[in-house]
Amino acid sequence: FWYRQLWNESLGKKGEGTFLLTAKGSIDQHSQLQMWLDGPNNGLFTFL
């Protein structure tokens, strides 16, 4: 939650930046993984 604010509020300027979204493993493997794997290839993924 802290990092999401740091990234989005610091870098969302002048039409630039990327939306930072958060997900919770392993729960979101059962709700979002289909889109990540077989949807549009428009994401950078960070595992923490």
ModelCIF file with pLDDT and N, C-alpha, C, O atoms, coordinates in Angstrom:
data_MODEL
#
_entry.id   MODEL 
#
_entity.id                         1 
_entity.type                       polymer 
_entity.pdbx_number_of_molecules   1 
#
_entity_poly.entity_id                      1 
_entity_poly.type                           'polypeptide(L)' 
_entity_poly.nstd_linkage                   no 
_entity_poly.nstd_monomer                   no 
_entity_poly.pdbx_seq_one_letter_code       FWYRQLWNESLGKKGEGTFLLTAKGSIDQHSQLQMWLDGPNNGLFTFL 
_entity_poly.pdbx_seq_one_letter_code_can   FWYRQLWNESLGKKGEGTFLLTAKGSIDQHSQLQMWLDGPNNGLFTFL 
_entity_poly.pdbx_strand_id                 A 
#
loop_
_entity_poly_seq.entity_id 
_entity_poly_seq.num 
_entity_poly_seq.mon_id 
_entity_poly_seq.hetero 
1 1  PHE n 
1 2  TRP n 
1 3  TYR n 
1 4  ARG n 
1 5  GLN n 
1 6  LEU n 
1 7  TRP n 
1 8  ASN n 
1 9  GLU n 
1 10 SER n 
1 11 LEU n 
1 12 GLY n 
1 13 LYS n 
1 14 LYS n 
1 15 GLY n 
1 16 GLU n 
1 17 GLY n 
1 18 THR n 
1 19 PHE n 
1 20 LEU n 
1 21 LEU n 
1 22 THR n 
1 23 ALA n 
1 24 LYS n 
1 25 GLY n 
1 26 SER n 
1 27 ILE n 
1 28 ASP n 
1 29 GLN n 
1 30 HIS n 
1 31 SER n 
1 32 GLN n 
1 33 LEU n 
1 34 GLN n 
1 35 MET n 
1 36 TRP n 
1 37 LEU n 
1 38 ASP n 
1 39 GLY n 
1 40 PRO n 
1 41 ASN n 
1 42 ASN n 
1 43 GLY n 
1 44 LEU n 
1 45 PHE n 
1 46 THR n 
1 47 PHE n 
1 48 LEU n 
#
_struct_asym.id          A 
_struct_asym.entity_id   1 
#
loop_
_ma_qa_metric.id 
_ma_qa_metric.mode 
_ma_qa_metric.name 
_ma_qa_metric.software_group_id 
_ma_qa_metric.type 
1 global pLDDT . pLDDT 
2 local  pLDDT . pLDDT 
#
_ma_qa_metric_global.metric_id      1 
_ma_qa_metric_global.metric_value   91.62 
_ma_qa_metric_global.model_id       1 
_ma_qa_metric_global.ordinal_id     1 
#
loop_
_ma_qa_metric_local.label_asym_id 
_ma_qa_metric_local.label_comp_id 
_ma_qa_metric_local.label_seq_id 
_ma_qa_metric_local.metric_id 
_ma_qa_metric_local.metric_value 
_ma_qa_metric_local.model_id 
_ma_qa_metric_local.ordinal_id 
A PHE 1  2 96.00 1 1  
A TRP 2  2 97.00 1 2  
A TYR 3  2 96.00 1 3  
A ARG 4  2 96.00 1 4  
A GLN 5  2 96.00 1 5  
A LEU 6  2 96.00 1 6  
A TRP 7  2 94.00 1 7  
A ASN 8  2 93.00 1 8  
A GLU 9  2 93.00 1 9  
A SER 10 2 94.00 1 10 
A LEU 11 2 91.00 1 11 
A GLY 12 2 89.00 1 12 
A LYS 13 2 86.00 1 13 
A LYS 14 2 80.00 1 14 
A GLY 15 2 81.00 1 15 
A GLU 16 2 78.00 1 16 
A GLY 17 2 80.00 1 17 
A THR 18 2 82.00 1 18 
A PHE 19 2 87.00 1 19 
A LEU 20 2 91.00 1 20 
A LEU 21 2 92.00 1 21 
A THR 22 2 94.00 1 22 
A ALA 23 2 95.00 1 23 
A LYS 24 2 94.00 1 24 
A GLY 25 2 93.00 1 25 
A SER 26 2 92.00 1 26 
A ILE 27 2 94.00 1 27 
A ASP 28 2 93.00 1 28 
A GLN 29 2 92.00 1 29 
A HIS 30 2 93.00 1 30 
A SER 31 2 95.00 1 31 
A GLN 32 2 93.00 1 32 
A LEU 33 2 93.00 1 33 
A GLN 34 2 95.00 1 34 
A MET 35 2 94.00 1 35 
A TRP 36 2 93.00 1 36 
A LEU 37 2 94.00 1 37 
A ASP 38 2 94.00 1 38 
A GLY 39 2 93.00 1 39 
A PRO 40 2 91.00 1 40 
A ASN 41 2 89.00 1 41 
A ASN 42 2 88.00 1 42 
A GLY 43 2 88.00 1 43 
A LEU 44 2 91.00 1 44 
A PHE 45 2 94.00 1 45 
A THR 46 2 94.00 1 46 
A PHE 47 2 96.00 1 47 
A LEU 48 2 95.00 1 48 
#
loop_
_atom_site.group_PDB 
_atom_site.id 
_atom_site.type_symbol 
_atom_site.label_atom_id 
_atom_site.label_alt_id 
_atom_site.label_comp_id 
_atom_site.label_asym_id 
_atom_site.label_entity_id 
_atom_site.label_seq_id 
_atom_site.pdbx_PDB_ins_code 
_atom_site.Cartn_x 
_atom_site.Cartn_y 
_atom_site.Cartn_z 
_atom_site.occupancy 
_atom_site.B_iso_or_equiv 
_atom_site.pdbx_formal_charge 
_atom_site.auth_seq_id 
_atom_site.auth_comp_id 
_atom_site.auth_asym_id 
_atom_site.auth_atom_id 
_atom_site.pdbx_PDB_model_num 
ATOM 1   N N  . PHE A 1 1  ? 0.840  -1.204  0.000   1.00 96.00 ? 1  PHE A N  1 
ATOM 2   C CA . PHE A 1 1  ? 0.000  0.000   0.000   1.00 96.00 ? 1  PHE A CA 1 
ATOM 3   C C  . PHE A 1 1  ? 0.874  1.253   0.000   1.00 96.00 ? 1  PHE A C  1 
ATOM 4   O O  . PHE A 1 1  ? 0.581  2.227   -0.693  1.00 96.00 ? 1  PHE A O  1 
ATOM 5   N N  . TRP A 1 2  ? 1.953  1.214   0.789   1.00 97.00 ? 2  TRP A N  1 
ATOM 6   C CA . TRP A 1 2  ? 2.887  2.345   0.819   1.00 97.00 ? 2  TRP A CA 1 
ATOM 7   C C  . TRP A 1 2  ? 3.567  2.522   -0.537  1.00 97.00 ? 2  TRP A C  1 
ATOM 8   O O  . TRP A 1 2  ? 3.662  3.638   -1.046  1.00 97.00 ? 2  TRP A O  1 
ATOM 9   N N  . TYR A 1 3  ? 4.041  1.419   -1.120  1.00 96.00 ? 3  TYR A N  1 
ATOM 10  C CA . TYR A 1 3  ? 4.758  1.479   -2.398  1.00 96.00 ? 3  TYR A CA 1 
ATOM 11  C C  . TYR A 1 3  ? 3.842  1.938   -3.530  1.00 96.00 ? 3  TYR A C  1 
ATOM 12  O O  . TYR A 1 3  ? 4.268  2.664   -4.428  1.00 96.00 ? 3  TYR A O  1 
ATOM 13  N N  . ARG A 1 4  ? 2.593  1.512   -3.480  1.00 96.00 ? 4  ARG A N  1 
ATOM 14  C CA . ARG A 1 4  ? 1.641  1.900   -4.519  1.00 96.00 ? 4  ARG A CA 1 
ATOM 15  C C  . ARG A 1 4  ? 1.481  3.422   -4.565  1.00 96.00 ? 4  ARG A C  1 
ATOM 16  O O  . ARG A 1 4  ? 1.440  4.016   -5.643  1.00 96.00 ? 4  ARG A O  1 
ATOM 17  N N  . GLN A 1 5  ? 1.389  4.048   -3.381  1.00 96.00 ? 5  GLN A N  1 
ATOM 18  C CA . GLN A 1 5  ? 1.296  5.508   -3.360  1.00 96.00 ? 5  GLN A CA 1 
ATOM 19  C C  . GLN A 1 5  ? 2.599  6.131   -3.854  1.00 96.00 ? 5  GLN A C  1 
ATOM 20  O O  . GLN A 1 5  ? 2.575  7.073   -4.646  1.00 96.00 ? 5  GLN A O  1 
ATOM 21  N N  . LEU A 1 6  ? 3.735  5.611   -3.390  1.00 96.00 ? 6  LEU A N  1 
ATOM 22  C CA . LEU A 1 6  ? 5.029  6.159   -3.785  1.00 96.00 ? 6  LEU A CA 1 
ATOM 23  C C  . LEU A 1 6  ? 5.175  6.169   -5.297  1.00 96.00 ? 6  LEU A C  1 
ATOM 24  O O  . LEU A 1 6  ? 5.572  7.179   -5.878  1.00 96.00 ? 6  LEU A O  1 
ATOM 25  N N  . TRP A 1 7  ? 4.855  5.043   -5.943  1.00 94.00 ? 7  TRP A N  1 
ATOM 26  C CA . TRP A 1 7  ? 5.020  4.924   -7.389  1.00 94.00 ? 7  TRP A CA 1 
ATOM 27  C C  . TRP A 1 7  ? 4.005  5.790   -8.142  1.00 94.00 ? 7  TRP A C  1 
ATOM 28  O O  . TRP A 1 7  ? 4.381  6.618   -8.973  1.00 94.00 ? 7  TRP A O  1 
ATOM 29  N N  . ASN A 1 8  ? 2.727  5.593   -7.847  1.00 93.00 ? 8  ASN A N  1 
ATOM 30  C CA . ASN A 1 8  ? 1.682  6.249   -8.632  1.00 93.00 ? 8  ASN A CA 1 
ATOM 31  C C  . ASN A 1 8  ? 1.677  7.767   -8.463  1.00 93.00 ? 8  ASN A C  1 
ATOM 32  O O  . ASN A 1 8  ? 1.468  8.497   -9.432  1.00 93.00 ? 8  ASN A O  1 
ATOM 33  N N  . GLU A 1 9  ? 1.903  8.244   -7.248  1.00 93.00 ? 9  GLU A N  1 
ATOM 34  C CA . GLU A 1 9  ? 1.835  9.678   -7.001  1.00 93.00 ? 9  GLU A CA 1 
ATOM 35  C C  . GLU A 1 9  ? 3.110  10.392  -7.441  1.00 93.00 ? 9  GLU A C  1 
ATOM 36  O O  . GLU A 1 9  ? 3.085  11.590  -7.724  1.00 93.00 ? 9  GLU A O  1 
ATOM 37  N N  . SER A 1 10 ? 4.219  9.662   -7.500  1.00 94.00 ? 10 SER A N  1 
ATOM 38  C CA . SER A 1 10 ? 5.487  10.269  -7.909  1.00 94.00 ? 10 SER A CA 1 
ATOM 39  C C  . SER A 1 10 ? 5.673  10.268  -9.416  1.00 94.00 ? 10 SER A C  1 
ATOM 40  O O  . SER A 1 10 ? 6.279  11.187  -9.966  1.00 94.00 ? 10 SER A O  1 
ATOM 41  N N  . LEU A 1 11 ? 5.156  9.244   -10.092 1.00 91.00 ? 11 LEU A N  1 
ATOM 42  C CA . LEU A 1 11 ? 5.484  9.050   -11.503 1.00 91.00 ? 11 LEU A CA 1 
ATOM 43  C C  . LEU A 1 11 ? 4.315  9.260   -12.456 1.00 91.00 ? 11 LEU A C  1 
ATOM 44  O O  . LEU A 1 11 ? 4.511  9.242   -13.672 1.00 91.00 ? 11 LEU A O  1 
ATOM 45  N N  . GLY A 1 12 ? 3.121  9.455   -11.947 1.00 89.00 ? 12 GLY A N  1 
ATOM 46  C CA . GLY A 1 12 ? 1.975  9.709   -12.824 1.00 89.00 ? 12 GLY A CA 1 
ATOM 47  C C  . GLY A 1 12 ? 1.891  11.181  -13.178 1.00 89.00 ? 12 GLY A C  1 
ATOM 48  O O  . GLY A 1 12 ? 1.086  11.912  -12.602 1.00 89.00 ? 12 GLY A O  1 
ATOM 49  N N  . LYS A 1 13 ? 2.710  11.626  -14.115 1.00 86.00 ? 13 LYS A N  1 
ATOM 50  C CA . LYS A 1 13 ? 2.796  13.049  -14.453 1.00 86.00 ? 13 LYS A CA 1 
ATOM 51  C C  . LYS A 1 13 ? 2.832  13.241  -15.968 1.00 86.00 ? 13 LYS A C  1 
ATOM 52  O O  . LYS A 1 13 ? 3.462  12.467  -16.688 1.00 86.00 ? 13 LYS A O  1 
ATOM 53  N N  . LYS A 1 14 ? 2.151  14.279  -16.438 1.00 80.00 ? 14 LYS A N  1 
ATOM 54  C CA . LYS A 1 14 ? 2.251  14.712  -17.832 1.00 80.00 ? 14 LYS A CA 1 
ATOM 55  C C  . LYS A 1 14 ? 1.979  13.573  -18.821 1.00 80.00 ? 14 LYS A C  1 
ATOM 56  O O  . LYS A 1 14 ? 2.618  13.488  -19.869 1.00 80.00 ? 14 LYS A O  1 
ATOM 57  N N  . GLY A 1 15 ? 1.040  12.713  -18.484 1.00 81.00 ? 15 GLY A N  1 
ATOM 58  C CA . GLY A 1 15 ? 0.708  11.602  -19.357 1.00 81.00 ? 15 GLY A CA 1 
ATOM 59  C C  . GLY A 1 15 ? 1.690  10.458  -19.305 1.00 81.00 ? 15 GLY A C  1 
ATOM 60  O O  . GLY A 1 15 ? 1.545  9.484   -20.043 1.00 81.00 ? 15 GLY A O  1 
ATOM 61  N N  . GLU A 1 16 ? 2.701  10.558  -18.437 1.00 78.00 ? 16 GLU A N  1 
ATOM 62  C CA . GLU A 1 16 ? 3.724  9.517   -18.328 1.00 78.00 ? 16 GLU A CA 1 
ATOM 63  C C  . GLU A 1 16 ? 3.408  8.588   -17.150 1.00 78.00 ? 16 GLU A C  1 
ATOM 64  O O  . GLU A 1 16 ? 2.484  8.833   -16.374 1.00 78.00 ? 16 GLU A O  1 
ATOM 65  N N  . GLY A 1 17 ? 4.199  7.521   -17.040 1.00 80.00 ? 17 GLY A N  1 
ATOM 66  C CA . GLY A 1 17 ? 4.085  6.611   -15.913 1.00 80.00 ? 17 GLY A CA 1 
ATOM 67  C C  . GLY A 1 17 ? 3.325  5.347   -16.257 1.00 80.00 ? 17 GLY A C  1 
ATOM 68  O O  . GLY A 1 17 ? 2.713  5.250   -17.321 1.00 80.00 ? 17 GLY A O  1 
ATOM 69  N N  . THR A 1 18 ? 3.362  4.390   -15.366 1.00 82.00 ? 18 THR A N  1 
ATOM 70  C CA . THR A 1 18 ? 2.607  3.156   -15.508 1.00 82.00 ? 18 THR A CA 1 
ATOM 71  C C  . THR A 1 18 ? 1.752  2.964   -14.260 1.00 82.00 ? 18 THR A C  1 
ATOM 72  O O  . THR A 1 18 ? 2.179  3.288   -13.152 1.00 82.00 ? 18 THR A O  1 
ATOM 73  N N  . PHE A 1 19 ? 0.544  2.437   -14.444 1.00 87.00 ? 19 PHE A N  1 
ATOM 74  C CA . PHE A 1 19 ? -0.315 2.153   -13.304 1.00 87.00 ? 19 PHE A CA 1 
ATOM 75  C C  . PHE A 1 19 ? 0.286  1.021   -12.492 1.00 87.00 ? 19 PHE A C  1 
ATOM 76  O O  . PHE A 1 19 ? 0.570  -0.051  -13.026 1.00 87.00 ? 19 PHE A O  1 
ATOM 77  N N  . LEU A 1 20 ? 0.482  1.260   -11.186 1.00 91.00 ? 20 LEU A N  1 
ATOM 78  C CA . LEU A 1 20 ? 0.954  0.191   -10.316 1.00 91.00 ? 20 LEU A CA 1 
ATOM 79  C C  . LEU A 1 20 ? -0.246 -0.442  -9.628  1.00 91.00 ? 20 LEU A C  1 
ATOM 80  O O  . LEU A 1 20 ? -0.987 0.223   -8.903  1.00 91.00 ? 20 LEU A O  1 
ATOM 81  N N  . LEU A 1 21 ? -0.424 -1.734  -9.866  1.00 92.00 ? 21 LEU A N  1 
ATOM 82  C CA . LEU A 1 21 ? -1.502 -2.511  -9.267  1.00 92.00 ? 21 LEU A CA 1 
ATOM 83  C C  . LEU A 1 21 ? -0.901 -3.508  -8.291  1.00 92.00 ? 21 LEU A C  1 
ATOM 84  O O  . LEU A 1 21 ? 0.255  -3.902  -8.439  1.00 92.00 ? 21 LEU A O  1 
ATOM 85  N N  . THR A 1 22 ? -1.666 -3.914  -7.306  1.00 94.00 ? 22 THR A N  1 
ATOM 86  C CA . THR A 1 22 ? -1.168 -4.892  -6.344  1.00 94.00 ? 22 THR A CA 1 
ATOM 87  C C  . THR A 1 22 ? -2.043 -6.135  -6.348  1.00 94.00 ? 22 THR A C  1 
ATOM 88  O O  . THR A 1 22 ? -3.238 -6.071  -6.638  1.00 94.00 ? 22 THR A O  1 
ATOM 89  N N  . ALA A 1 23 ? -1.428 -7.269  -6.020  1.00 95.00 ? 23 ALA A N  1 
ATOM 90  C CA . ALA A 1 23 ? -2.142 -8.538  -5.946  1.00 95.00 ? 23 ALA A CA 1 
ATOM 91  C C  . ALA A 1 23 ? -1.584 -9.346  -4.783  1.00 95.00 ? 23 ALA A C  1 
ATOM 92  O O  . ALA A 1 23 ? -0.466 -9.113  -4.324  1.00 95.00 ? 23 ALA A O  1 
ATOM 93  N N  . LYS A 1 24 ? -2.384 -10.300 -4.315  1.00 94.00 ? 24 LYS A N  1 
ATOM 94  C CA . LYS A 1 24 ? -2.015 -11.088 -3.144  1.00 94.00 ? 24 LYS A CA 1 
ATOM 95  C C  . LYS A 1 24 ? -1.884 -12.553 -3.525  1.00 94.00 ? 24 LYS A C  1 
ATOM 96  O O  . LYS A 1 24 ? -2.837 -13.178 -3.990  1.00 94.00 ? 24 LYS A O  1 
ATOM 97  N N  . GLY A 1 25 ? -0.679 -13.091 -3.318  1.00 93.00 ? 25 GLY A N  1 
ATOM 98  C CA . GLY A 1 25 ? -0.471 -14.502 -3.573  1.00 93.00 ? 25 GLY A CA 1 
ATOM 99  C C  . GLY A 1 25 ? -0.743 -15.327 -2.319  1.00 93.00 ? 25 GLY A C  1 
ATOM 100 O O  . GLY A 1 25 ? -0.465 -14.848 -1.219  1.00 93.00 ? 25 GLY A O  1 
ATOM 101 N N  . SER A 1 26 ? -1.257 -16.508 -2.430  1.00 92.00 ? 26 SER A N  1 
ATOM 102 C CA . SER A 1 26 ? -1.589 -17.156 -3.689  1.00 92.00 ? 26 SER A CA 1 
ATOM 103 C C  . SER A 1 26 ? -3.048 -16.929 -4.098  1.00 92.00 ? 26 SER A C  1 
ATOM 104 O O  . SER A 1 26 ? -3.507 -17.483 -5.096  1.00 92.00 ? 26 SER A O  1 
ATOM 105 N N  . ILE A 1 27 ? -3.772 -16.114 -3.326  1.00 94.00 ? 27 ILE A N  1 
ATOM 106 C CA . ILE A 1 27 ? -5.215 -15.933 -3.540  1.00 94.00 ? 27 ILE A CA 1 
ATOM 107 C C  . ILE A 1 27 ? -5.517 -15.458 -4.954  1.00 94.00 ? 27 ILE A C  1 
ATOM 108 O O  . ILE A 1 27 ? -6.407 -16.001 -5.608  1.00 94.00 ? 27 ILE A O  1 
ATOM 109 N N  . ASP A 1 28 ? -4.791 -14.453 -5.436  1.00 93.00 ? 28 ASP A N  1 
ATOM 110 C CA . ASP A 1 28 ? -5.110 -13.885 -6.746  1.00 93.00 ? 28 ASP A CA 1 
ATOM 111 C C  . ASP A 1 28 ? -4.673 -14.774 -7.907  1.00 93.00 ? 28 ASP A C  1 
ATOM 112 O O  . ASP A 1 28 ? -4.968 -14.466 -9.062  1.00 93.00 ? 28 ASP A O  1 
ATOM 113 N N  . GLN A 1 29 ? -3.984 -15.855 -7.620  1.00 92.00 ? 29 GLN A N  1 
ATOM 114 C CA . GLN A 1 29 ? -3.747 -16.855 -8.672  1.00 92.00 ? 29 GLN A CA 1 
ATOM 115 C C  . GLN A 1 29 ? -5.082 -17.453 -9.130  1.00 92.00 ? 29 GLN A C  1 
ATOM 116 O O  . GLN A 1 29 ? -5.204 -17.935 -10.257 1.00 92.00 ? 29 GLN A O  1 
ATOM 117 N N  . HIS A 1 30 ? -6.075 -17.415 -8.245  1.00 93.00 ? 30 HIS A N  1 
ATOM 118 C CA . HIS A 1 30 ? -7.378 -18.005 -8.538  1.00 93.00 ? 30 HIS A CA 1 
ATOM 119 C C  . HIS A 1 30 ? -8.391 -16.978 -9.033  1.00 93.00 ? 30 HIS A C  1 
ATOM 120 O O  . HIS A 1 30 ? -9.572 -17.290 -9.194  1.00 93.00 ? 30 HIS A O  1 
ATOM 121 N N  . SER A 1 31 ? -7.922 -15.746 -9.277  1.00 95.00 ? 31 SER A N  1 
ATOM 122 C CA . SER A 1 31 ? -8.859 -14.730 -9.766  1.00 95.00 ? 31 SER A CA 1 
ATOM 123 C C  . SER A 1 31 ? -8.276 -13.870 -10.885 1.00 95.00 ? 31 SER A C  1 
ATOM 124 O O  . SER A 1 31 ? -9.029 -13.299 -11.675 1.00 95.00 ? 31 SER A O  1 
ATOM 125 N N  . GLN A 1 32 ? -6.944 -13.769 -10.966 1.00 93.00 ? 32 GLN A N  1 
ATOM 126 C CA . GLN A 1 32 ? -6.341 -12.893 -11.961 1.00 93.00 ? 32 GLN A CA 1 
ATOM 127 C C  . GLN A 1 32 ? -5.344 -13.586 -12.892 1.00 93.00 ? 32 GLN A C  1 
ATOM 128 O O  . GLN A 1 32 ? -4.994 -13.050 -13.943 1.00 93.00 ? 32 GLN A O  1 
ATOM 129 N N  . LEU A 1 33 ? -4.899 -14.751 -12.511 1.00 93.00 ? 33 LEU A N  1 
ATOM 130 C CA . LEU A 1 33 ? -3.816 -15.407 -13.251 1.00 93.00 ? 33 LEU A CA 1 
ATOM 131 C C  . LEU A 1 33 ? -4.182 -15.693 -14.706 1.00 93.00 ? 33 LEU A C  1 
ATOM 132 O O  . LEU A 1 33 ? -3.326 -15.590 -15.584 1.00 93.00 ? 33 LEU A O  1 
ATOM 133 N N  . GLN A 1 34 ? -5.422 -16.045 -14.972 1.00 95.00 ? 34 GLN A N  1 
ATOM 134 C CA . GLN A 1 34 ? -5.846 -16.296 -16.347 1.00 95.00 ? 34 GLN A CA 1 
ATOM 135 C C  . GLN A 1 34 ? -5.575 -15.081 -17.234 1.00 95.00 ? 34 GLN A C  1 
ATOM 136 O O  . GLN A 1 34 ? -5.089 -15.224 -18.355 1.00 95.00 ? 34 GLN A O  1 
ATOM 137 N N  . MET A 1 35 ? -5.887 -13.896 -16.735 1.00 94.00 ? 35 MET A N  1 
ATOM 138 C CA . MET A 1 35 ? -5.652 -12.671 -17.498 1.00 94.00 ? 35 MET A CA 1 
ATOM 139 C C  . MET A 1 35 ? -4.159 -12.418 -17.666 1.00 94.00 ? 35 MET A C  1 
ATOM 140 O O  . MET A 1 35 ? -3.706 -12.038 -18.745 1.00 94.00 ? 35 MET A O  1 
ATOM 141 N N  . TRP A 1 36 ? -3.395 -12.630 -16.595 1.00 93.00 ? 36 TRP A N  1 
ATOM 142 C CA . TRP A 1 36 ? -1.952 -12.396 -16.671 1.00 93.00 ? 36 TRP A CA 1 
ATOM 143 C C  . TRP A 1 36 ? -1.293 -13.283 -17.726 1.00 93.00 ? 36 TRP A C  1 
ATOM 144 O O  . TRP A 1 36 ? -0.418 -12.845 -18.473 1.00 93.00 ? 36 TRP A O  1 
ATOM 145 N N  . LEU A 1 37 ? -1.735 -14.541 -17.767 1.00 94.00 ? 37 LEU A N  1 
ATOM 146 C CA . LEU A 1 37 ? -1.070 -15.512 -18.639 1.00 94.00 ? 37 LEU A CA 1 
ATOM 147 C C  . LEU A 1 37 ? -1.594 -15.502 -20.074 1.00 94.00 ? 37 LEU A C  1 
ATOM 148 O O  . LEU A 1 37 ? -0.829 -15.685 -21.021 1.00 94.00 ? 37 LEU A O  1 
ATOM 149 N N  . ASP A 1 38 ? -2.901 -15.287 -20.230 1.00 94.00 ? 38 ASP A N  1 
ATOM 150 C CA . ASP A 1 38 ? -3.502 -15.482 -21.554 1.00 94.00 ? 38 ASP A CA 1 
ATOM 151 C C  . ASP A 1 38 ? -4.206 -14.236 -22.083 1.00 94.00 ? 38 ASP A C  1 
ATOM 152 O O  . ASP A 1 38 ? -4.804 -14.260 -23.159 1.00 94.00 ? 38 ASP A O  1 
ATOM 153 N N  . GLY A 1 39 ? -4.129 -13.160 -21.327 1.00 93.00 ? 39 GLY A N  1 
ATOM 154 C CA . GLY A 1 39 ? -4.682 -11.892 -21.787 1.00 93.00 ? 39 GLY A CA 1 
ATOM 155 C C  . GLY A 1 39 ? -3.623 -11.102 -22.537 1.00 93.00 ? 39 GLY A C  1 
ATOM 156 O O  . GLY A 1 39 ? -2.603 -11.663 -22.937 1.00 93.00 ? 39 GLY A O  1 
ATOM 157 N N  . PRO A 1 40 ? -3.850 -9.795  -22.735 1.00 91.00 ? 40 PRO A N  1 
ATOM 158 C CA . PRO A 1 40 ? -2.874 -8.970  -23.459 1.00 91.00 ? 40 PRO A CA 1 
ATOM 159 C C  . PRO A 1 40 ? -1.542 -8.900  -22.719 1.00 91.00 ? 40 PRO A C  1 
ATOM 160 O O  . PRO A 1 40 ? -1.500 -8.838  -21.491 1.00 91.00 ? 40 PRO A O  1 
ATOM 161 N N  . ASN A 1 41 ? -0.467 -8.910  -23.481 1.00 89.00 ? 41 ASN A N  1 
ATOM 162 C CA . ASN A 1 41 ? 0.873  -8.855  -22.898 1.00 89.00 ? 41 ASN A CA 1 
ATOM 163 C C  . ASN A 1 41 ? 1.227  -7.395  -22.610 1.00 89.00 ? 41 ASN A C  1 
ATOM 164 O O  . ASN A 1 41 ? 2.054  -6.796  -23.298 1.00 89.00 ? 41 ASN A O  1 
ATOM 165 N N  . ASN A 1 42 ? 0.589  -6.836  -21.587 1.00 88.00 ? 42 ASN A N  1 
ATOM 166 C CA . ASN A 1 42 ? 0.779  -5.416  -21.299 1.00 88.00 ? 42 ASN A CA 1 
ATOM 167 C C  . ASN A 1 42 ? 1.143  -5.164  -19.841 1.00 88.00 ? 42 ASN A C  1 
ATOM 168 O O  . ASN A 1 42 ? 0.831  -4.108  -19.291 1.00 88.00 ? 42 ASN A O  1 
ATOM 169 N N  . GLY A 1 43 ? 1.804  -6.141  -19.217 1.00 88.00 ? 43 GLY A N  1 
ATOM 170 C CA . GLY A 1 43 ? 2.136  -5.986  -17.813 1.00 88.00 ? 43 GLY A CA 1 
ATOM 171 C C  . GLY A 1 43 ? 3.585  -6.299  -17.493 1.00 88.00 ? 43 GLY A C  1 
ATOM 172 O O  . GLY A 1 43 ? 4.208  -7.161  -18.113 1.00 88.00 ? 43 GLY A O  1 
ATOM 173 N N  . LEU A 1 44 ? 4.113  -5.572  -16.499 1.00 91.00 ? 44 LEU A N  1 
ATOM 174 C CA . LEU A 1 44 ? 5.360  -5.943  -15.835 1.00 91.00 ? 44 LEU A CA 1 
ATOM 175 C C  . LEU A 1 44 ? 4.965  -6.552  -14.497 1.00 91.00 ? 44 LEU A C  1 
ATOM 176 O O  . LEU A 1 44 ? 4.101  -6.011  -13.806 1.00 91.00 ? 44 LEU A O  1 
ATOM 177 N N  . PHE A 1 45 ? 5.580  -7.663  -14.120 1.00 94.00 ? 45 PHE A N  1 
ATOM 178 C CA . PHE A 1 45 ? 5.178  -8.361  -12.900 1.00 94.00 ? 45 PHE A CA 1 
ATOM 179 C C  . PHE A 1 45 ? 6.344  -8.428  -11.916 1.00 94.00 ? 45 PHE A C  1 
ATOM 180 O O  . PHE A 1 45 ? 7.455  -8.830  -12.262 1.00 94.00 ? 45 PHE A O  1 
ATOM 181 N N  . THR A 1 46 ? 6.059  -8.026  -10.687 1.00 94.00 ? 46 THR A N  1 
ATOM 182 C CA . THR A 1 46 ? 7.050  -8.095  -9.614  1.00 94.00 ? 46 THR A CA 1 
ATOM 183 C C  . THR A 1 46 ? 6.531  -9.024  -8.526  1.00 94.00 ? 46 THR A C  1 
ATOM 184 O O  . THR A 1 46 ? 5.419  -8.847  -8.029  1.00 94.00 ? 46 THR A O  1 
ATOM 185 N N  . PHE A 1 47 ? 7.332  -10.004 -8.160  1.00 96.00 ? 47 PHE A N  1 
ATOM 186 C CA . PHE A 1 47 ? 7.004  -10.911 -7.061  1.00 96.00 ? 47 PHE A CA 1 
ATOM 187 C C  . PHE A 1 47 ? 7.807  -10.496 -5.835  1.00 96.00 ? 47 PHE A C  1 
ATOM 188 O O  . PHE A 1 47 ? 9.023  -10.313 -5.902  1.00 96.00 ? 47 PHE A O  1 
ATOM 189 N N  . LEU A 1 48 ? 7.107  -10.352 -4.719  1.00 95.00 ? 48 LEU A N  1 
ATOM 190 C CA . LEU A 1 48 ? 7.751  -9.986  -3.467  1.00 95.00 ? 48 LEU A CA 1 
ATOM 191 C C  . LEU A 1 48 ? 7.571  -11.134 -2.484  1.00 95.00 ? 48 LEU A C  1 
ATOM 192 O O  . LEU A 1 48 ? 8.037  -11.052 -1.347  1.00 95.00 ? 48 LEU A O  1 
#
